N, C-alpha and C. Protein backbone atom coordinates (compact mmCIF):
# COMPACT_ATOMS: atom_id res chain seq x y z
N MET A 1 116.45 103.99 119.45
CA MET A 1 116.04 104.34 118.12
C MET A 1 115.36 105.69 118.04
N HIS A 2 114.88 106.20 119.13
CA HIS A 2 114.13 107.46 119.11
C HIS A 2 114.91 108.58 118.43
N GLU A 3 116.22 108.58 118.60
CA GLU A 3 117.04 109.64 118.01
C GLU A 3 117.04 109.58 116.47
N ARG A 4 116.61 108.47 115.89
CA ARG A 4 116.59 108.33 114.43
C ARG A 4 115.19 108.47 113.86
N ARG A 5 114.23 108.91 114.64
CA ARG A 5 112.85 108.92 114.18
C ARG A 5 112.62 109.77 112.94
N ALA A 6 113.49 110.74 112.65
CA ALA A 6 113.34 111.55 111.45
C ALA A 6 113.75 110.76 110.19
N ASP A 7 114.42 109.62 110.36
CA ASP A 7 114.89 108.82 109.22
C ASP A 7 113.91 107.72 108.82
N TRP A 8 112.86 107.52 109.57
CA TRP A 8 111.96 106.41 109.33
C TRP A 8 111.01 106.69 108.18
N SER A 9 110.59 105.63 107.52
CA SER A 9 109.45 105.74 106.61
C SER A 9 108.34 104.90 107.24
N TRP A 10 107.13 105.18 106.80
CA TRP A 10 105.96 104.57 107.42
C TRP A 10 105.10 103.92 106.35
N THR A 11 104.28 102.97 106.76
CA THR A 11 103.33 102.35 105.85
C THR A 11 101.99 102.20 106.55
N THR A 12 100.94 102.17 105.75
CA THR A 12 99.61 101.93 106.27
C THR A 12 99.32 100.43 106.35
N ARG A 13 100.26 99.62 105.90
CA ARG A 13 100.08 98.17 105.85
C ARG A 13 100.96 97.47 106.88
N ARG A 14 100.34 96.92 107.90
CA ARG A 14 101.09 96.26 108.97
C ARG A 14 101.96 95.12 108.45
N ALA A 15 101.47 94.34 107.50
CA ALA A 15 102.25 93.22 106.96
C ALA A 15 103.55 93.72 106.33
N VAL A 16 103.52 94.86 105.67
CA VAL A 16 104.73 95.43 105.08
C VAL A 16 105.70 95.85 106.19
N ALA A 17 105.18 96.52 107.20
CA ALA A 17 106.04 96.96 108.31
C ALA A 17 106.66 95.77 109.02
N GLU A 18 105.87 94.73 109.26
CA GLU A 18 106.42 93.54 109.92
C GLU A 18 107.44 92.84 109.04
N GLY A 19 107.24 92.87 107.73
CA GLY A 19 108.22 92.28 106.83
C GLY A 19 109.58 92.96 106.94
N TYR A 20 109.57 94.29 107.02
CA TYR A 20 110.84 95.00 107.20
C TYR A 20 111.43 94.76 108.59
N ALA A 21 110.58 94.73 109.60
CA ALA A 21 111.07 94.54 110.97
C ALA A 21 111.67 93.15 111.18
N THR A 22 111.10 92.15 110.51
CA THR A 22 111.59 90.78 110.71
C THR A 22 112.61 90.36 109.68
N GLY A 23 112.86 91.21 108.71
CA GLY A 23 113.86 90.90 107.72
C GLY A 23 113.33 90.25 106.46
N THR A 24 112.08 89.80 106.47
CA THR A 24 111.55 89.11 105.30
C THR A 24 111.20 90.08 104.17
N GLY A 25 110.94 91.34 104.49
CA GLY A 25 110.56 92.30 103.46
C GLY A 25 111.72 92.88 102.70
N ALA A 26 112.92 92.83 103.25
CA ALA A 26 114.05 93.45 102.58
C ALA A 26 115.34 92.67 102.73
N ARG A 27 115.21 91.39 103.11
CA ARG A 27 116.39 90.54 103.31
C ARG A 27 117.38 91.20 104.27
N ARG A 28 116.86 91.65 105.38
CA ARG A 28 117.68 92.31 106.39
C ARG A 28 117.73 91.44 107.64
N PRO A 29 118.62 91.77 108.57
CA PRO A 29 118.64 91.04 109.84
C PRO A 29 117.30 91.19 110.57
N THR A 30 116.97 90.22 111.40
CA THR A 30 115.69 90.23 112.10
C THR A 30 115.76 91.01 113.40
N THR A 31 116.39 92.16 113.36
CA THR A 31 116.56 92.96 114.58
C THR A 31 115.65 94.18 114.59
N GLY A 32 114.74 94.28 113.64
CA GLY A 32 113.87 95.45 113.56
C GLY A 32 112.80 95.47 114.63
N ARG A 33 112.16 96.60 114.72
CA ARG A 33 111.07 96.80 115.65
C ARG A 33 109.91 97.44 114.91
N LEU A 34 108.74 97.35 115.50
CA LEU A 34 107.54 97.89 114.89
C LEU A 34 107.03 99.05 115.73
N TYR A 35 106.72 100.15 115.05
CA TYR A 35 106.23 101.34 115.74
C TYR A 35 104.92 101.79 115.10
N ARG A 36 104.12 102.48 115.88
CA ARG A 36 102.82 102.97 115.41
C ARG A 36 102.69 104.44 115.76
N THR A 37 102.06 105.17 114.86
CA THR A 37 101.72 106.57 115.12
C THR A 37 100.41 106.87 114.41
N VAL A 38 99.75 107.90 114.86
CA VAL A 38 98.57 108.42 114.17
C VAL A 38 98.97 109.81 113.69
N ALA A 39 99.02 109.95 112.37
CA ALA A 39 99.52 111.19 111.78
C ALA A 39 98.35 112.05 111.28
N PRO A 40 98.38 113.34 111.59
CA PRO A 40 97.35 114.23 111.07
C PRO A 40 97.56 114.46 109.57
N PRO A 41 96.57 114.97 108.87
CA PRO A 41 96.70 115.20 107.42
C PRO A 41 97.88 116.09 107.04
N SER A 42 98.37 116.90 107.95
CA SER A 42 99.50 117.79 107.64
C SER A 42 100.86 117.10 107.74
N ALA A 43 100.93 115.89 108.28
CA ALA A 43 102.21 115.21 108.52
C ALA A 43 102.87 114.59 107.29
N PRO A 44 102.13 114.04 106.34
CA PRO A 44 102.80 113.41 105.19
C PRO A 44 103.58 114.42 104.34
N LEU A 45 104.83 114.05 104.06
CA LEU A 45 105.69 114.85 103.19
C LEU A 45 105.78 114.24 101.80
N ALA A 46 105.64 112.91 101.74
CA ALA A 46 105.69 112.19 100.46
C ALA A 46 104.95 110.87 100.60
N HIS A 47 104.44 110.37 99.48
CA HIS A 47 103.74 109.08 99.46
C HIS A 47 104.28 108.30 98.27
N ASN A 48 104.91 107.18 98.54
CA ASN A 48 105.50 106.33 97.50
C ASN A 48 104.53 105.19 97.22
N THR A 49 104.00 105.13 96.01
CA THR A 49 103.06 104.07 95.67
C THR A 49 103.72 102.91 94.93
N ARG A 50 104.99 103.00 94.67
CA ARG A 50 105.70 101.90 94.00
C ARG A 50 105.79 100.69 94.92
N ARG A 51 105.87 99.55 94.36
CA ARG A 51 106.03 98.27 95.07
C ARG A 51 104.83 97.91 95.94
N GLY A 52 103.76 98.69 95.91
CA GLY A 52 102.56 98.35 96.67
C GLY A 52 102.73 98.37 98.17
N GLU A 53 103.67 99.16 98.68
CA GLU A 53 103.96 99.16 100.12
C GLU A 53 103.19 100.22 100.90
N GLY A 54 102.50 101.13 100.24
CA GLY A 54 101.79 102.18 100.97
C GLY A 54 102.72 103.01 101.82
N GLU A 55 103.90 103.33 101.30
CA GLU A 55 104.94 104.01 102.08
C GLU A 55 104.72 105.52 102.14
N TYR A 56 104.91 106.07 103.34
CA TYR A 56 104.83 107.50 103.56
C TYR A 56 106.10 108.00 104.24
N VAL A 57 106.48 109.20 103.92
CA VAL A 57 107.50 109.92 104.67
C VAL A 57 106.74 110.98 105.45
N LEU A 58 106.94 111.01 106.76
CA LEU A 58 106.17 111.90 107.62
C LEU A 58 107.05 112.92 108.31
N ASN A 59 106.48 114.07 108.57
CA ASN A 59 107.08 115.01 109.51
C ASN A 59 106.66 114.51 110.88
N THR A 60 107.60 113.97 111.65
CA THR A 60 107.27 113.35 112.93
C THR A 60 107.30 114.32 114.11
N ASP A 61 107.60 115.58 113.85
CA ASP A 61 107.61 116.55 114.95
C ASP A 61 106.27 116.57 115.66
N GLY A 62 106.30 116.34 116.95
CA GLY A 62 105.08 116.39 117.77
C GLY A 62 104.22 115.14 117.75
N LEU A 63 104.59 114.14 116.95
CA LEU A 63 103.80 112.92 116.90
C LEU A 63 104.17 111.99 118.06
N THR A 64 103.19 111.29 118.56
CA THR A 64 103.43 110.25 119.56
C THR A 64 103.73 108.97 118.80
N ILE A 65 104.88 108.40 119.07
CA ILE A 65 105.31 107.16 118.40
C ILE A 65 105.53 106.11 119.47
N ALA A 66 104.85 104.98 119.32
CA ALA A 66 104.93 103.92 120.33
C ALA A 66 105.36 102.62 119.69
N GLU A 67 106.22 101.89 120.38
CA GLU A 67 106.60 100.57 119.90
C GLU A 67 105.45 99.60 120.18
N VAL A 68 105.19 98.72 119.22
CA VAL A 68 104.14 97.71 119.37
C VAL A 68 104.75 96.34 119.11
N PRO A 69 104.18 95.30 119.71
CA PRO A 69 104.75 93.96 119.51
C PRO A 69 104.51 93.45 118.11
N LEU A 70 105.47 92.68 117.63
CA LEU A 70 105.32 91.99 116.35
C LEU A 70 104.34 90.83 116.52
N THR A 71 103.66 90.48 115.46
CA THR A 71 102.76 89.34 115.49
C THR A 71 103.58 88.07 115.62
N PRO A 72 103.24 87.22 116.59
CA PRO A 72 104.02 85.98 116.76
C PRO A 72 103.89 85.05 115.59
């Protein structure tokens, strides 16, 4: 998935991210994964406040992105 990191959107809400990763948030297959990053103030390109998801589009250049386990 690393090659697609420029296509990802991010959220500040773990429950939203897990919903998308497990398929419950968007009625998708349960093949998703959960990733974490710490973005500096210069990284956000857009912030979508619709649907209450806390969604951000980030410039991921130079960011450390790590896969984290889903909550059992």
